[in-house]
All heavy atoms as atom14 arrays in JSON, in Angstrom:
{
  "sequence": "DRAGDDVQLAHFDVNDATGKYTDRMNAYDSFIRIEQGYAELMRY",
  "atom14_mask": [
    [1, 1, 1, 1, 1, 1, 1, 1, 0, 0, 0, 0, 0, 0],
    [1, 1, 1, 1, 1, 1, 1, 1, 1, 1, 1, 0, 0, 0],
    [1, 1, 1, 1, 1, 0, 0, 0, 0, 0, 0, 0, 0, 0],
    [1, 1, 1, 1, 0, 0, 0, 0, 0, 0, 0, 0, 0, 0],
    [1, 1, 1, 1, 1, 1, 1, 1, 0, 0, 0, 0, 0, 0],
    [1, 1, 1, 1, 1, 1, 1, 1, 0, 0, 0, 0, 0, 0],
    [1, 1, 1, 1, 1, 1, 1, 0, 0, 0, 0, 0, 0, 0],
    [1, 1, 1, 1, 1, 1, 1, 1, 1, 0, 0, 0, 0, 0],
    [1, 1, 1, 1, 1, 1, 1, 1, 0, 0, 0, 0, 0, 0],
    [1, 1, 1, 1, 1, 0, 0, 0, 0, 0, 0, 0, 0, 0],
    [1, 1, 1, 1, 1, 1, 1, 1, 1, 1, 0, 0, 0, 0],
    [1, 1, 1, 1, 1, 1, 1, 1, 1, 1, 1, 0, 0, 0],
    [1, 1, 1, 1, 1, 1, 1, 1, 0, 0, 0, 0, 0, 0],
    [1, 1, 1, 1, 1, 1, 1, 0, 0, 0, 0, 0, 0, 0],
    [1, 1, 1, 1, 1, 1, 1, 1, 0, 0, 0, 0, 0, 0],
    [1, 1, 1, 1, 1, 1, 1, 1, 0, 0, 0, 0, 0, 0],
    [1, 1, 1, 1, 1, 0, 0, 0, 0, 0, 0, 0, 0, 0],
    [1, 1, 1, 1, 1, 1, 1, 0, 0, 0, 0, 0, 0, 0],
    [1, 1, 1, 1, 0, 0, 0, 0, 0, 0, 0, 0, 0, 0],
    [1, 1, 1, 1, 1, 1, 1, 1, 1, 0, 0, 0, 0, 0],
    [1, 1, 1, 1, 1, 1, 1, 1, 1, 1, 1, 1, 0, 0],
    [1, 1, 1, 1, 1, 1, 1, 0, 0, 0, 0, 0, 0, 0],
    [1, 1, 1, 1, 1, 1, 1, 1, 0, 0, 0, 0, 0, 0],
    [1, 1, 1, 1, 1, 1, 1, 1, 1, 1, 1, 0, 0, 0],
    [1, 1, 1, 1, 1, 1, 1, 1, 0, 0, 0, 0, 0, 0],
    [1, 1, 1, 1, 1, 1, 1, 1, 0, 0, 0, 0, 0, 0],
    [1, 1, 1, 1, 1, 0, 0, 0, 0, 0, 0, 0, 0, 0],
    [1, 1, 1, 1, 1, 1, 1, 1, 1, 1, 1, 1, 0, 0],
    [1, 1, 1, 1, 1, 1, 1, 1, 0, 0, 0, 0, 0, 0],
    [1, 1, 1, 1, 1, 1, 0, 0, 0, 0, 0, 0, 0, 0],
    [1, 1, 1, 1, 1, 1, 1, 1, 1, 1, 1, 0, 0, 0],
    [1, 1, 1, 1, 1, 1, 1, 1, 0, 0, 0, 0, 0, 0],
    [1, 1, 1, 1, 1, 1, 1, 1, 1, 1, 1, 0, 0, 0],
    [1, 1, 1, 1, 1, 1, 1, 1, 0, 0, 0, 0, 0, 0],
    [1, 1, 1, 1, 1, 1, 1, 1, 1, 0, 0, 0, 0, 0],
    [1, 1, 1, 1, 1, 1, 1, 1, 1, 0, 0, 0, 0, 0],
    [1, 1, 1, 1, 0, 0, 0, 0, 0, 0, 0, 0, 0, 0],
    [1, 1, 1, 1, 1, 1, 1, 1, 1, 1, 1, 1, 0, 0],
    [1, 1, 1, 1, 1, 0, 0, 0, 0, 0, 0, 0, 0, 0],
    [1, 1, 1, 1, 1, 1, 1, 1, 1, 0, 0, 0, 0, 0],
    [1, 1, 1, 1, 1, 1, 1, 1, 0, 0, 0, 0, 0, 0],
    [1, 1, 1, 1, 1, 1, 1, 1, 0, 0, 0, 0, 0, 0],
    [1, 1, 1, 1, 1, 1, 1, 1, 1, 1, 1, 0, 0, 0],
    [1, 1, 1, 1, 1, 1, 1, 1, 1, 1, 1, 1, 0, 0]
  ],
  "atom14_positions": [
    [[181.86, 241.59, 124.24], [181.59, 243.08, 123.99], [180.64, 243.36, 122.9], [180.34, 244.57, 122.71], [182.9, 243.79, 123.79], [183.89, 243.66, 124.97], [183.45, 243.71, 126.14], [185.11, 243.68, 124.75], [0.0, 0.0, 0.0], [0.0, 0.0, 0.0], [0.0, 0.0, 0.0], [0.0, 0.0, 0.0], [0.0, 0.0, 0.0], [0.0, 0.0, 0.0]],
    [[180.17, 242.29, 122.21], [179.31, 242.49, 121.08], [177.9, 242.75, 121.5], [177.41, 242.16, 122.45], [179.41, 241.32, 120.09], [180.84, 241.16, 119.45], [180.88, 240.1, 118.43], [180.0, 240.4, 117.35], [179.48, 239.49, 116.59], [179.59, 238.23, 116.82], [178.65, 239.84, 115.56], [0.0, 0.0, 0.0], [0.0, 0.0, 0.0], [0.0, 0.0, 0.0]],
    [[177.08, 243.53, 120.72], [175.79, 243.77, 120.98], [174.96, 243.77, 119.72], [175.43, 243.77, 118.58], [175.6, 245.11, 121.69], [0.0, 0.0, 0.0], [0.0, 0.0, 0.0], [0.0, 0.0, 0.0], [0.0, 0.0, 0.0], [0.0, 0.0, 0.0], [0.0, 0.0, 0.0], [0.0, 0.0, 0.0], [0.0, 0.0, 0.0], [0.0, 0.0, 0.0]],
    [[173.62, 243.84, 119.86], [172.67, 243.72, 118.75], [172.58, 245.01, 117.96], [171.92, 244.99, 116.94], [0.0, 0.0, 0.0], [0.0, 0.0, 0.0], [0.0, 0.0, 0.0], [0.0, 0.0, 0.0], [0.0, 0.0, 0.0], [0.0, 0.0, 0.0], [0.0, 0.0, 0.0], [0.0, 0.0, 0.0], [0.0, 0.0, 0.0], [0.0, 0.0, 0.0]],
    [[173.22, 246.14, 118.36], [173.1, 247.35, 117.69], [174.48, 247.81, 117.34], [174.71, 249.1, 117.23], [172.38, 248.39, 118.51], [172.91, 248.67, 119.91], [173.89, 247.97, 120.22], [172.39, 249.6, 120.56], [0.0, 0.0, 0.0], [0.0, 0.0, 0.0], [0.0, 0.0, 0.0], [0.0, 0.0, 0.0], [0.0, 0.0, 0.0], [0.0, 0.0, 0.0]],
    [[175.54, 246.97, 117.27], [176.92, 247.46, 116.93], [177.11, 248.15, 115.68], [177.97, 249.02, 115.53], [177.77, 246.22, 117.05], [178.2, 245.78, 118.42], [178.07, 246.67, 119.31], [178.62, 244.69, 118.66], [0.0, 0.0, 0.0], [0.0, 0.0, 0.0], [0.0, 0.0, 0.0], [0.0, 0.0, 0.0], [0.0, 0.0, 0.0], [0.0, 0.0, 0.0]],
    [[176.36, 247.67, 114.62], [176.57, 248.25, 113.34], [175.43, 248.99, 112.79], [174.25, 248.5, 112.75], [176.9, 247.12, 112.26], [177.22, 247.66, 110.91], [178.02, 246.21, 112.78], [0.0, 0.0, 0.0], [0.0, 0.0, 0.0], [0.0, 0.0, 0.0], [0.0, 0.0, 0.0], [0.0, 0.0, 0.0], [0.0, 0.0, 0.0], [0.0, 0.0, 0.0]],
    [[175.58, 250.25, 112.35], [174.52, 251.02, 111.77], [174.89, 251.25, 110.24], [175.98, 251.85, 109.98], [174.2, 252.33, 112.39], [173.02, 253.11, 111.82], [172.77, 254.41, 112.43], [172.93, 255.44, 111.97], [172.28, 254.34, 113.7], [0.0, 0.0, 0.0], [0.0, 0.0, 0.0], [0.0, 0.0, 0.0], [0.0, 0.0, 0.0], [0.0, 0.0, 0.0]],
    [[174.15, 250.69, 109.3], [174.36, 250.89, 107.94], [173.19, 251.69, 107.36], [172.06, 251.43, 107.67], [174.45, 249.54, 107.16], [175.75, 248.75, 107.35], [175.8, 247.58, 106.51], [176.99, 249.62, 107.23], [0.0, 0.0, 0.0], [0.0, 0.0, 0.0], [0.0, 0.0, 0.0], [0.0, 0.0, 0.0], [0.0, 0.0, 0.0], [0.0, 0.0, 0.0]],
    [[173.56, 252.58, 106.42], [172.52, 253.42, 105.76], [172.64, 253.13, 104.33], [173.76, 253.23, 103.66], [172.74, 254.92, 106.1], [0.0, 0.0, 0.0], [0.0, 0.0, 0.0], [0.0, 0.0, 0.0], [0.0, 0.0, 0.0], [0.0, 0.0, 0.0], [0.0, 0.0, 0.0], [0.0, 0.0, 0.0], [0.0, 0.0, 0.0], [0.0, 0.0, 0.0]],
    [[171.5, 252.87, 103.65], [171.48, 252.65, 102.21], [170.73, 253.71, 101.52], [169.51, 253.98, 101.69], [170.71, 251.28, 101.9], [170.89, 250.77, 100.57], [171.08, 249.47, 100.36], [170.95, 251.36, 99.37], [171.23, 249.28, 98.95], [171.17, 250.44, 98.4], [0.0, 0.0, 0.0], [0.0, 0.0, 0.0], [0.0, 0.0, 0.0], [0.0, 0.0, 0.0]],
    [[171.49, 254.58, 100.78], [170.98, 255.73, 100.08], [170.73, 255.4, 98.64], [171.44, 254.55, 98.01], [172.01, 256.95, 100.07], [172.31, 257.48, 101.47], [173.28, 256.74, 102.27], [171.72, 258.55, 101.92], [173.65, 257.27, 103.5], [172.1, 259.14, 103.12], [173.03, 258.45, 103.94], [0.0, 0.0, 0.0], [0.0, 0.0, 0.0], [0.0, 0.0, 0.0]],
    [[169.7, 255.98, 97.96], [169.7, 256.05, 96.54], [169.05, 257.3, 96.03], [168.52, 258.1, 96.94], [168.99, 254.79, 95.96], [167.47, 254.77, 95.95], [166.85, 255.72, 96.55], [166.88, 253.83, 95.43], [0.0, 0.0, 0.0], [0.0, 0.0, 0.0], [0.0, 0.0, 0.0], [0.0, 0.0, 0.0], [0.0, 0.0, 0.0], [0.0, 0.0, 0.0]],
    [[169.25, 257.66, 94.8], [168.75, 258.82, 94.2], [167.29, 258.83, 93.82], [166.8, 257.86, 93.31], [169.6, 259.16, 92.92], [169.16, 260.5, 92.27], [171.1, 259.28, 93.28], [0.0, 0.0, 0.0], [0.0, 0.0, 0.0], [0.0, 0.0, 0.0], [0.0, 0.0, 0.0], [0.0, 0.0, 0.0], [0.0, 0.0, 0.0], [0.0, 0.0, 0.0]],
    [[166.64, 259.83, 94.23], [165.09, 259.82, 93.89], [164.94, 259.87, 92.36], [165.47, 260.8, 91.66], [164.47, 261.13, 94.5], [164.41, 260.94, 96.02], [164.49, 259.86, 96.59], [164.2, 262.06, 96.64], [0.0, 0.0, 0.0], [0.0, 0.0, 0.0], [0.0, 0.0, 0.0], [0.0, 0.0, 0.0], [0.0, 0.0, 0.0], [0.0, 0.0, 0.0]],
    [[164.2, 258.88, 91.91], [163.89, 258.72, 90.45], [165.07, 258.98, 89.56], [165.07, 259.73, 88.55], [162.76, 259.84, 90.16], [162.16, 259.6, 88.7], [162.23, 258.46, 88.22], [161.63, 260.55, 88.17], [0.0, 0.0, 0.0], [0.0, 0.0, 0.0], [0.0, 0.0, 0.0], [0.0, 0.0, 0.0], [0.0, 0.0, 0.0], [0.0, 0.0, 0.0]],
    [[166.14, 258.17, 89.79], [167.36, 258.31, 88.98], [167.1, 257.97, 87.58], [167.57, 258.54, 86.62], [168.43, 257.42, 89.6], [0.0, 0.0, 0.0], [0.0, 0.0, 0.0], [0.0, 0.0, 0.0], [0.0, 0.0, 0.0], [0.0, 0.0, 0.0], [0.0, 0.0, 0.0], [0.0, 0.0, 0.0], [0.0, 0.0, 0.0], [0.0, 0.0, 0.0]],
    [[166.2, 256.9, 87.33], [165.85, 256.49, 86.0], [165.18, 257.53, 85.24], [165.53, 257.95, 84.09], [165.0, 255.2, 86.07], [165.76, 254.3, 86.71], [164.65, 254.82, 84.62], [0.0, 0.0, 0.0], [0.0, 0.0, 0.0], [0.0, 0.0, 0.0], [0.0, 0.0, 0.0], [0.0, 0.0, 0.0], [0.0, 0.0, 0.0], [0.0, 0.0, 0.0]],
    [[164.12, 258.12, 85.87], [163.33, 259.25, 85.16], [164.18, 260.44, 84.94], [164.0, 261.17, 83.92], [0.0, 0.0, 0.0], [0.0, 0.0, 0.0], [0.0, 0.0, 0.0], [0.0, 0.0, 0.0], [0.0, 0.0, 0.0], [0.0, 0.0, 0.0], [0.0, 0.0, 0.0], [0.0, 0.0, 0.0], [0.0, 0.0, 0.0], [0.0, 0.0, 0.0]],
    [[165.01, 260.88, 85.94], [165.66, 262.1, 85.84], [166.93, 262.0, 85.08], [167.38, 262.97, 84.32], [166.06, 262.58, 87.24], [164.91, 263.07, 88.1], [165.42, 263.49, 89.45], [164.24, 263.97, 90.35], [164.75, 264.35, 91.76], [0.0, 0.0, 0.0], [0.0, 0.0, 0.0], [0.0, 0.0, 0.0], [0.0, 0.0, 0.0], [0.0, 0.0, 0.0]],
    [[167.72, 260.85, 85.06], [168.95, 260.75, 84.45], [169.1, 259.64, 83.35], [169.36, 259.93, 82.32], [170.02, 260.6, 85.56], [169.97, 261.65, 86.61], [169.75, 261.21, 88.03], [170.07, 263.0, 86.38], [169.71, 262.15, 89.02], [170.03, 263.85, 87.41], [169.79, 263.5, 88.73], [169.72, 264.43, 89.68], [0.0, 0.0, 0.0], [0.0, 0.0, 0.0]],
    [[168.85, 258.42, 83.81], [169.11, 257.23, 82.92], [168.3, 257.35, 81.71], [168.94, 257.08, 80.58], [168.82, 255.95, 83.7], [169.5, 256.02, 84.91], [169.2, 254.74, 82.85], [0.0, 0.0, 0.0], [0.0, 0.0, 0.0], [0.0, 0.0, 0.0], [0.0, 0.0, 0.0], [0.0, 0.0, 0.0], [0.0, 0.0, 0.0], [0.0, 0.0, 0.0]],
    [[167.07, 257.65, 81.75], [166.25, 257.75, 80.49], [166.22, 259.05, 79.84], [165.53, 259.16, 78.82], [164.77, 257.33, 80.88], [164.66, 255.85, 81.26], [165.54, 255.03, 80.98], [163.53, 255.51, 81.78], [0.0, 0.0, 0.0], [0.0, 0.0, 0.0], [0.0, 0.0, 0.0], [0.0, 0.0, 0.0], [0.0, 0.0, 0.0], [0.0, 0.0, 0.0]],
    [[166.99, 260.05, 80.31], [166.88, 261.36, 79.78], [168.24, 261.85, 79.29], [168.39, 262.76, 78.39], [166.32, 262.41, 80.72], [164.86, 262.11, 81.14], [164.33, 263.11, 82.03], [164.33, 264.38, 81.33], [163.95, 265.58, 81.95], [163.65, 265.55, 83.21], [163.94, 266.67, 81.35], [0.0, 0.0, 0.0], [0.0, 0.0, 0.0], [0.0, 0.0, 0.0]],
    [[169.38, 261.34, 79.84], [170.64, 261.8, 79.61], [171.57, 260.65, 79.03], [171.22, 259.53, 79.21], [171.38, 262.37, 80.88], [170.52, 263.46, 81.6], [171.16, 263.91, 83.17], [172.71, 264.64, 82.84], [0.0, 0.0, 0.0], [0.0, 0.0, 0.0], [0.0, 0.0, 0.0], [0.0, 0.0, 0.0], [0.0, 0.0, 0.0], [0.0, 0.0, 0.0]],
    [[172.6, 261.06, 78.37], [173.55, 260.02, 77.92], [174.16, 259.35, 79.17], [174.21, 259.94, 80.29], [174.55, 260.49, 76.94], [175.64, 261.37, 77.58], [176.37, 261.03, 78.4], [175.58, 262.7, 77.12], [0.0, 0.0, 0.0], [0.0, 0.0, 0.0], [0.0, 0.0, 0.0], [0.0, 0.0, 0.0], [0.0, 0.0, 0.0], [0.0, 0.0, 0.0]],
    [[174.76, 258.14, 79.02], [175.18, 257.38, 80.14], [176.34, 258.03, 80.93], [176.37, 257.98, 82.14], [175.68, 255.93, 79.64], [0.0, 0.0, 0.0], [0.0, 0.0, 0.0], [0.0, 0.0, 0.0], [0.0, 0.0, 0.0], [0.0, 0.0, 0.0], [0.0, 0.0, 0.0], [0.0, 0.0, 0.0], [0.0, 0.0, 0.0], [0.0, 0.0, 0.0]],
    [[177.2, 258.74, 80.2], [178.31, 259.36, 80.85], [177.8, 260.55, 81.78], [178.22, 260.71, 82.94], [179.38, 259.87, 79.89], [180.6, 260.25, 80.55], [181.52, 259.32, 81.05], [180.96, 261.61, 80.71], [182.69, 259.64, 81.67], [182.15, 261.97, 81.35], [182.98, 261.0, 81.84], [184.18, 261.41, 82.44], [0.0, 0.0, 0.0], [0.0, 0.0, 0.0]],
    [[176.9, 261.39, 81.17], [176.47, 262.53, 81.95], [175.63, 262.08, 83.14], [175.53, 262.76, 84.24], [175.66, 263.48, 81.14], [176.54, 264.23, 80.06], [177.7, 264.32, 80.31], [176.0, 264.71, 79.01], [0.0, 0.0, 0.0], [0.0, 0.0, 0.0], [0.0, 0.0, 0.0], [0.0, 0.0, 0.0], [0.0, 0.0, 0.0], [0.0, 0.0, 0.0]],
    [[174.8, 260.94, 82.99], [174.1, 260.39, 84.05], [175.1, 260.02, 85.19], [174.84, 260.19, 86.34], [173.31, 259.15, 83.62], [172.31, 259.54, 82.76], [0.0, 0.0, 0.0], [0.0, 0.0, 0.0], [0.0, 0.0, 0.0], [0.0, 0.0, 0.0], [0.0, 0.0, 0.0], [0.0, 0.0, 0.0], [0.0, 0.0, 0.0], [0.0, 0.0, 0.0]],
    [[176.15, 259.31, 84.83], [177.19, 258.9, 85.76], [177.77, 260.11, 86.5], [177.94, 260.06, 87.7], [178.28, 258.15, 85.0], [179.51, 257.84, 85.75], [179.36, 256.96, 86.83], [180.74, 258.37, 85.44], [180.55, 256.55, 87.53], [181.88, 257.97, 86.19], [181.71, 257.15, 87.2], [0.0, 0.0, 0.0], [0.0, 0.0, 0.0], [0.0, 0.0, 0.0]],
    [[178.1, 261.22, 85.75], [178.59, 262.39, 86.45], [177.59, 262.89, 87.55], [177.99, 263.2, 88.68], [178.79, 263.53, 85.46], [180.03, 263.13, 84.59], [179.11, 264.86, 86.15], [180.33, 264.08, 83.38], [0.0, 0.0, 0.0], [0.0, 0.0, 0.0], [0.0, 0.0, 0.0], [0.0, 0.0, 0.0], [0.0, 0.0, 0.0], [0.0, 0.0, 0.0]],
    [[176.31, 262.9, 87.25], [175.4, 263.45, 88.15], [175.22, 262.58, 89.39], [175.15, 263.06, 90.53], [173.97, 263.49, 87.54], [173.87, 264.5, 86.41], [174.04, 266.01, 86.97], [172.82, 266.29, 87.74], [172.89, 267.29, 88.76], [174.06, 267.92, 88.98], [171.84, 267.65, 89.42], [0.0, 0.0, 0.0], [0.0, 0.0, 0.0], [0.0, 0.0, 0.0]],
    [[175.24, 261.23, 89.23], [175.23, 260.33, 90.35], [176.5, 260.46, 91.16], [176.44, 260.47, 92.42], [175.06, 258.87, 89.82], [173.81, 258.65, 89.11], [175.15, 257.87, 91.03], [172.49, 258.99, 89.82], [0.0, 0.0, 0.0], [0.0, 0.0, 0.0], [0.0, 0.0, 0.0], [0.0, 0.0, 0.0], [0.0, 0.0, 0.0], [0.0, 0.0, 0.0]],
    [[177.69, 260.61, 90.48], [178.87, 260.63, 91.24], [179.04, 261.93, 91.97], [179.57, 262.04, 93.05], [180.03, 260.57, 90.25], [180.32, 259.2, 89.72], [180.83, 258.24, 90.83], [181.91, 258.54, 91.28], [180.11, 257.24, 91.19], [0.0, 0.0, 0.0], [0.0, 0.0, 0.0], [0.0, 0.0, 0.0], [0.0, 0.0, 0.0], [0.0, 0.0, 0.0]],
    [[178.41, 263.09, 91.51], [178.38, 264.36, 92.24], [177.65, 264.18, 93.57], [178.13, 264.68, 94.63], [177.81, 265.39, 91.37], [178.65, 265.98, 90.24], [177.87, 267.03, 89.39], [176.72, 266.94, 89.14], [178.68, 268.1, 89.0], [0.0, 0.0, 0.0], [0.0, 0.0, 0.0], [0.0, 0.0, 0.0], [0.0, 0.0, 0.0], [0.0, 0.0, 0.0]],
    [[176.56, 263.5, 93.47], [175.73, 263.23, 94.71], [176.51, 262.33, 95.73], [176.61, 262.65, 96.88], [0.0, 0.0, 0.0], [0.0, 0.0, 0.0], [0.0, 0.0, 0.0], [0.0, 0.0, 0.0], [0.0, 0.0, 0.0], [0.0, 0.0, 0.0], [0.0, 0.0, 0.0], [0.0, 0.0, 0.0], [0.0, 0.0, 0.0], [0.0, 0.0, 0.0]],
    [[177.1, 261.3, 95.11], [177.94, 260.43, 95.99], [179.09, 261.14, 96.67], [179.36, 261.08, 97.89], [178.41, 259.25, 95.19], [179.65, 258.52, 95.82], [179.57, 258.02, 97.07], [180.76, 258.29, 94.94], [180.7, 257.39, 97.59], [181.84, 257.69, 95.47], [181.86, 257.24, 96.8], [182.91, 256.59, 97.28], [0.0, 0.0, 0.0], [0.0, 0.0, 0.0]],
    [[179.85, 261.87, 95.81], [181.0, 262.62, 96.36], [180.67, 263.58, 97.49], [181.38, 263.71, 98.42], [181.83, 263.28, 95.2], [0.0, 0.0, 0.0], [0.0, 0.0, 0.0], [0.0, 0.0, 0.0], [0.0, 0.0, 0.0], [0.0, 0.0, 0.0], [0.0, 0.0, 0.0], [0.0, 0.0, 0.0], [0.0, 0.0, 0.0], [0.0, 0.0, 0.0]],
    [[179.61, 264.26, 97.22], [179.22, 265.25, 98.25], [178.75, 264.58, 99.59], [179.03, 265.1, 100.69], [178.12, 266.24, 97.75], [177.93, 267.48, 98.54], [179.24, 268.26, 98.72], [179.98, 268.52, 97.77], [179.49, 268.76, 99.96], [0.0, 0.0, 0.0], [0.0, 0.0, 0.0], [0.0, 0.0, 0.0], [0.0, 0.0, 0.0], [0.0, 0.0, 0.0]],
    [[177.94, 263.52, 99.43], [177.51, 262.77, 100.57], [178.69, 262.21, 101.29], [178.77, 262.24, 102.53], [176.61, 261.65, 100.18], [176.04, 260.76, 101.22], [175.17, 261.6, 102.24], [175.25, 259.58, 100.7], [0.0, 0.0, 0.0], [0.0, 0.0, 0.0], [0.0, 0.0, 0.0], [0.0, 0.0, 0.0], [0.0, 0.0, 0.0], [0.0, 0.0, 0.0]],
    [[179.66, 261.6, 100.6], [180.88, 261.01, 101.15], [181.62, 262.08, 101.96], [181.96, 261.8, 103.17], [181.63, 260.48, 100.06], [183.03, 259.91, 100.48], [184.0, 259.16, 99.1], [184.37, 260.58, 98.17], [0.0, 0.0, 0.0], [0.0, 0.0, 0.0], [0.0, 0.0, 0.0], [0.0, 0.0, 0.0], [0.0, 0.0, 0.0], [0.0, 0.0, 0.0]],
    [[181.87, 263.2, 101.43], [182.54, 264.29, 102.15], [181.8, 264.7, 103.41], [182.34, 264.9, 104.51], [182.81, 265.52, 101.2], [183.86, 265.25, 100.2], [184.36, 266.6, 99.52], [183.26, 267.08, 98.65], [183.24, 266.76, 97.34], [184.21, 266.08, 96.8], [182.23, 267.22, 96.56], [0.0, 0.0, 0.0], [0.0, 0.0, 0.0], [0.0, 0.0, 0.0]],
    [[180.53, 264.98, 103.16], [179.7, 265.55, 104.25], [179.55, 264.54, 105.45], [179.66, 264.94, 106.56], [178.34, 266.09, 103.81], [177.65, 266.92, 104.86], [178.18, 268.19, 105.11], [176.6, 266.47, 105.57], [177.55, 269.0, 106.09], [175.96, 267.21, 106.5], [176.42, 268.53, 106.74], [175.8, 269.28, 107.68], [0.0, 0.0, 0.0], [0.0, 0.0, 0.0]]
  ]
}
């Protein structure tokens, strides 16, 4: 029953996370922003 298209995986990342968050905000606030994006994507 197995086929060559059984699994579809999507790899997301944040556009310019380093420039927007990592290099501009403290580590905790950067984490919050990334987690907000993840949580909303997860729900949707």
